Amino acid sequence: MGVNPTVHELDEDPRGKEMEKALMRLLGSSSAVPVVFIGGKLVGAMDRVMASHINGTLVPLLKDAVKKAEEEEWFLRVISSILDTNQMMY
């Protein structure tokens, strides 16, 4: 499917505790990690990810995130090419 997850270890980040507290407020939970974001959107803790899988909404979420990432990558390549061409003109 082309999904390459990014893992952010809060215990290795100087602001990790602060981020964990913010996630706890967002989730309304005393345990904020692990938390999953797909395509920049908060899905929630693993129970929410599993529920999304069971109810059939997880795969469409992943496919949409991959599609958006591919579109963004294509757009960035086009912009980069235009910028490179403009630099060669000056």
N, C-alpha and C. Protein backbone atom coordinates (compact mmCIF):
# COMPACT_ATOMS: atom_id res chain seq x y z
N MET A 1 0.83 -1.19 0.00
CA MET A 1 0.00 0.00 0.00
C MET A 1 0.86 1.25 0.00
N GLY A 2 2.16 1.12 0.27
CA GLY A 2 3.04 2.28 0.25
C GLY A 2 3.01 3.10 1.52
N VAL A 3 2.65 2.49 2.63
CA VAL A 3 2.57 3.22 3.89
C VAL A 3 3.91 3.11 4.61
N ASN A 4 4.50 4.26 4.91
CA ASN A 4 5.78 4.30 5.62
C ASN A 4 5.58 5.13 6.89
N PRO A 5 5.28 4.48 8.00
CA PRO A 5 4.99 5.24 9.21
C PRO A 5 6.22 5.95 9.77
N THR A 6 5.97 7.10 10.34
CA THR A 6 6.99 7.83 11.07
C THR A 6 6.71 7.63 12.55
N VAL A 7 7.72 7.27 13.29
CA VAL A 7 7.57 7.06 14.73
C VAL A 7 8.28 8.21 15.43
N HIS A 8 7.58 8.86 16.33
CA HIS A 8 8.16 9.95 17.11
C HIS A 8 8.20 9.49 18.56
N GLU A 9 9.38 9.25 19.06
CA GLU A 9 9.55 8.78 20.44
C GLU A 9 9.55 9.97 21.39
N LEU A 10 8.47 10.11 22.15
CA LEU A 10 8.36 11.25 23.06
C LEU A 10 9.42 11.22 24.15
N ASP A 11 9.83 10.02 24.57
CA ASP A 11 10.83 9.95 25.64
C ASP A 11 12.22 10.35 25.15
N GLU A 12 12.38 10.53 23.84
CA GLU A 12 13.67 10.97 23.29
C GLU A 12 13.63 12.44 22.86
N ASP A 13 12.49 13.08 23.07
CA ASP A 13 12.32 14.47 22.66
C ASP A 13 12.36 15.36 23.90
N PRO A 14 13.11 16.48 23.84
CA PRO A 14 13.17 17.37 25.01
C PRO A 14 11.79 17.89 25.43
N ARG A 15 10.86 17.98 24.48
CA ARG A 15 9.51 18.48 24.80
C ARG A 15 8.50 17.33 24.89
N GLY A 16 9.02 16.12 25.03
CA GLY A 16 8.17 14.93 25.03
C GLY A 16 7.08 14.94 26.10
N LYS A 17 7.43 15.32 27.31
CA LYS A 17 6.44 15.35 28.41
C LYS A 17 5.34 16.36 28.10
N GLU A 18 5.74 17.51 27.58
CA GLU A 18 4.78 18.55 27.21
C GLU A 18 3.83 18.05 26.11
N MET A 19 4.40 17.36 25.12
CA MET A 19 3.58 16.81 24.03
C MET A 19 2.64 15.74 24.55
N GLU A 20 3.12 14.91 25.46
CA GLU A 20 2.28 13.85 26.02
C GLU A 20 1.10 14.45 26.79
N LYS A 21 1.35 15.51 27.55
CA LYS A 21 0.26 16.17 28.28
C LYS A 21 -0.77 16.75 27.32
N ALA A 22 -0.30 17.34 26.22
CA ALA A 22 -1.22 17.89 25.22
C ALA A 22 -2.05 16.79 24.58
N LEU A 23 -1.43 15.65 24.31
CA LEU A 23 -2.16 14.51 23.74
C LEU A 23 -3.20 13.98 24.73
N MET A 24 -2.85 13.95 26.01
CA MET A 24 -3.79 13.49 27.03
C MET A 24 -5.01 14.41 27.07
N ARG A 25 -4.78 15.72 26.94
CA ARG A 25 -5.91 16.66 26.91
C ARG A 25 -6.76 16.44 25.67
N LEU A 26 -6.11 16.23 24.53
CA LEU A 26 -6.83 15.99 23.27
C LEU A 26 -7.70 14.74 23.35
N LEU A 27 -7.14 13.69 23.92
CA LEU A 27 -7.84 12.41 23.97
C LEU A 27 -8.76 12.27 25.17
N GLY A 28 -8.59 13.16 26.16
CA GLY A 28 -9.38 13.05 27.37
C GLY A 28 -9.07 11.76 28.12
N SER A 29 -7.80 11.41 28.12
CA SER A 29 -7.38 10.13 28.69
C SER A 29 -6.15 10.32 29.55
N SER A 30 -5.99 9.41 30.52
CA SER A 30 -4.79 9.49 31.36
C SER A 30 -3.59 8.84 30.70
N SER A 31 -3.84 8.05 29.65
CA SER A 31 -2.75 7.43 28.90
C SER A 31 -2.82 7.91 27.46
N ALA A 32 -1.83 8.67 27.04
CA ALA A 32 -1.89 9.30 25.73
C ALA A 32 -1.10 8.58 24.65
N VAL A 33 -0.21 7.69 25.04
CA VAL A 33 0.63 7.06 24.03
C VAL A 33 0.52 5.54 24.12
N PRO A 34 0.66 4.82 23.04
CA PRO A 34 0.90 5.34 21.69
C PRO A 34 -0.38 5.91 21.07
N VAL A 35 -0.18 6.88 20.21
CA VAL A 35 -1.26 7.53 19.48
C VAL A 35 -0.91 7.49 18.01
N VAL A 36 -1.92 7.34 17.18
CA VAL A 36 -1.70 7.23 15.74
C VAL A 36 -2.33 8.41 15.02
N PHE A 37 -1.53 9.02 14.15
CA PHE A 37 -2.00 10.05 13.23
C PHE A 37 -1.89 9.46 11.83
N ILE A 38 -2.89 9.66 11.00
CA ILE A 38 -2.83 9.21 9.61
C ILE A 38 -3.12 10.41 8.73
N GLY A 39 -2.17 10.72 7.86
CA GLY A 39 -2.34 11.88 6.99
C GLY A 39 -2.45 13.18 7.76
N GLY A 40 -1.78 13.24 8.92
CA GLY A 40 -1.81 14.44 9.73
C GLY A 40 -3.04 14.58 10.60
N LYS A 41 -3.92 13.59 10.56
CA LYS A 41 -5.15 13.64 11.36
C LYS A 41 -5.06 12.63 12.50
N LEU A 42 -5.49 13.07 13.67
CA LEU A 42 -5.46 12.20 14.84
C LEU A 42 -6.51 11.11 14.71
N VAL A 43 -6.06 9.85 14.73
CA VAL A 43 -6.98 8.71 14.73
C VAL A 43 -7.27 8.34 16.18
N GLY A 44 -6.23 8.31 17.00
CA GLY A 44 -6.39 8.00 18.41
C GLY A 44 -5.43 6.92 18.86
N ALA A 45 -5.77 6.32 19.98
CA ALA A 45 -4.94 5.24 20.52
C ALA A 45 -5.21 3.96 19.74
N MET A 46 -4.50 2.91 20.11
CA MET A 46 -4.60 1.65 19.36
C MET A 46 -6.01 1.08 19.35
N ASP A 47 -6.80 1.32 20.39
CA ASP A 47 -8.18 0.82 20.37
C ASP A 47 -8.98 1.45 19.24
N ARG A 48 -8.71 2.73 18.97
CA ARG A 48 -9.40 3.43 17.87
C ARG A 48 -8.91 2.92 16.52
N VAL A 49 -7.61 2.64 16.42
CA VAL A 49 -7.05 2.11 15.18
C VAL A 49 -7.68 0.74 14.88
N MET A 50 -7.76 -0.11 15.90
CA MET A 50 -8.36 -1.44 15.71
C MET A 50 -9.84 -1.32 15.37
N ALA A 51 -10.55 -0.41 16.02
CA ALA A 51 -11.97 -0.21 15.70
C ALA A 51 -12.13 0.25 14.26
N SER A 52 -11.24 1.13 13.81
CA SER A 52 -11.27 1.59 12.41
C SER A 52 -11.01 0.44 11.46
N HIS A 53 -10.11 -0.45 11.84
CA HIS A 53 -9.83 -1.62 11.00
C HIS A 53 -11.06 -2.53 10.93
N ILE A 54 -11.66 -2.78 12.07
CA ILE A 54 -12.82 -3.68 12.14
C ILE A 54 -14.01 -3.11 11.38
N ASN A 55 -14.25 -1.79 11.51
CA ASN A 55 -15.42 -1.23 10.83
C ASN A 55 -15.15 -0.84 9.37
N GLY A 56 -13.93 -1.10 8.91
CA GLY A 56 -13.62 -0.91 7.49
C GLY A 56 -13.20 0.49 7.08
N THR A 57 -12.92 1.36 8.04
CA THR A 57 -12.53 2.73 7.69
C THR A 57 -11.02 2.96 7.68
N LEU A 58 -10.25 2.00 8.19
CA LEU A 58 -8.80 2.20 8.28
C LEU A 58 -8.13 2.18 6.91
N VAL A 59 -8.42 1.19 6.09
CA VAL A 59 -7.77 1.08 4.78
C VAL A 59 -8.08 2.31 3.91
N PRO A 60 -9.34 2.77 3.84
CA PRO A 60 -9.58 4.00 3.06
C PRO A 60 -8.80 5.21 3.60
N LEU A 61 -8.67 5.31 4.92
CA LEU A 61 -7.87 6.39 5.51
C LEU A 61 -6.43 6.32 5.05
N LEU A 62 -5.86 5.11 5.08
CA LEU A 62 -4.48 4.92 4.66
C LEU A 62 -4.31 5.21 3.18
N LYS A 63 -5.23 4.72 2.36
CA LYS A 63 -5.15 4.96 0.91
C LYS A 63 -5.24 6.44 0.60
N ASP A 64 -6.13 7.15 1.29
CA ASP A 64 -6.27 8.59 1.08
C ASP A 64 -4.99 9.32 1.48
N ALA A 65 -4.38 8.91 2.59
CA ALA A 65 -3.14 9.55 3.05
C ALA A 65 -2.02 9.31 2.05
N VAL A 66 -1.93 8.09 1.51
CA VAL A 66 -0.90 7.78 0.51
C VAL A 66 -1.12 8.61 -0.74
N LYS A 67 -2.36 8.70 -1.19
CA LYS A 67 -2.69 9.48 -2.39
C LYS A 67 -2.30 10.95 -2.20
N LYS A 68 -2.67 11.51 -1.05
CA LYS A 68 -2.33 12.92 -0.77
C LYS A 68 -0.83 13.12 -0.72
N ALA A 69 -0.11 12.18 -0.12
CA ALA A 69 1.35 12.28 -0.04
C ALA A 69 1.97 12.22 -1.43
N GLU A 70 1.44 11.34 -2.28
CA GLU A 70 1.96 11.24 -3.65
C GLU A 70 1.67 12.51 -4.43
N GLU A 71 0.47 13.09 -4.25
CA GLU A 71 0.14 14.34 -4.93
C GLU A 71 1.04 15.47 -4.46
N GLU A 72 1.29 15.52 -3.16
CA GLU A 72 2.16 16.56 -2.60
C GLU A 72 3.58 16.39 -3.12
N GLU A 73 4.04 15.15 -3.18
CA GLU A 73 5.39 14.87 -3.68
C GLU A 73 5.51 15.31 -5.14
N TRP A 74 4.50 14.99 -5.95
CA TRP A 74 4.49 15.38 -7.35
C TRP A 74 4.53 16.90 -7.47
N PHE A 75 3.69 17.59 -6.68
CA PHE A 75 3.62 19.04 -6.71
C PHE A 75 4.98 19.64 -6.34
N LEU A 76 5.62 19.10 -5.30
CA LEU A 76 6.92 19.62 -4.87
C LEU A 76 7.98 19.41 -5.95
N ARG A 77 7.93 18.27 -6.66
CA ARG A 77 8.88 18.04 -7.75
C ARG A 77 8.67 19.06 -8.87
N VAL A 78 7.41 19.35 -9.20
CA VAL A 78 7.11 20.33 -10.26
C VAL A 78 7.62 21.70 -9.84
N ILE A 79 7.31 22.11 -8.62
CA ILE A 79 7.75 23.43 -8.13
C ILE A 79 9.27 23.50 -8.12
N SER A 80 9.93 22.44 -7.65
CA SER A 80 11.38 22.40 -7.62
C SER A 80 11.96 22.54 -9.02
N SER A 81 11.35 21.87 -9.97
CA SER A 81 11.80 21.95 -11.36
C SER A 81 11.66 23.37 -11.90
N ILE A 82 10.53 24.00 -11.58
CA ILE A 82 10.31 25.39 -12.02
C ILE A 82 11.34 26.31 -11.39
N LEU A 83 11.59 26.14 -10.10
CA LEU A 83 12.58 26.98 -9.42
C LEU A 83 13.97 26.77 -10.00
N ASP A 84 14.33 25.51 -10.28
CA ASP A 84 15.63 25.22 -10.89
C ASP A 84 15.75 25.89 -12.25
N THR A 85 14.69 25.84 -13.04
CA THR A 85 14.69 26.47 -14.37
C THR A 85 14.84 27.97 -14.24
N ASN A 86 14.13 28.58 -13.29
CA ASN A 86 14.22 30.02 -13.09
C ASN A 86 15.61 30.44 -12.64
N GLN A 87 16.26 29.63 -11.80
CA GLN A 87 17.60 29.96 -11.34
C GLN A 87 18.60 29.92 -12.49
N MET A 88 18.38 29.01 -13.43
CA MET A 88 19.28 28.91 -14.57
C MET A 88 19.13 30.12 -15.50
N MET A 89 17.99 30.80 -15.45
CA MET A 89 17.75 31.95 -16.32
C MET A 89 18.48 33.19 -15.83
N TYR A 90 18.84 33.24 -14.55
CA TYR A 90 19.46 34.44 -14.01
C TYR A 90 20.94 34.33 -13.94
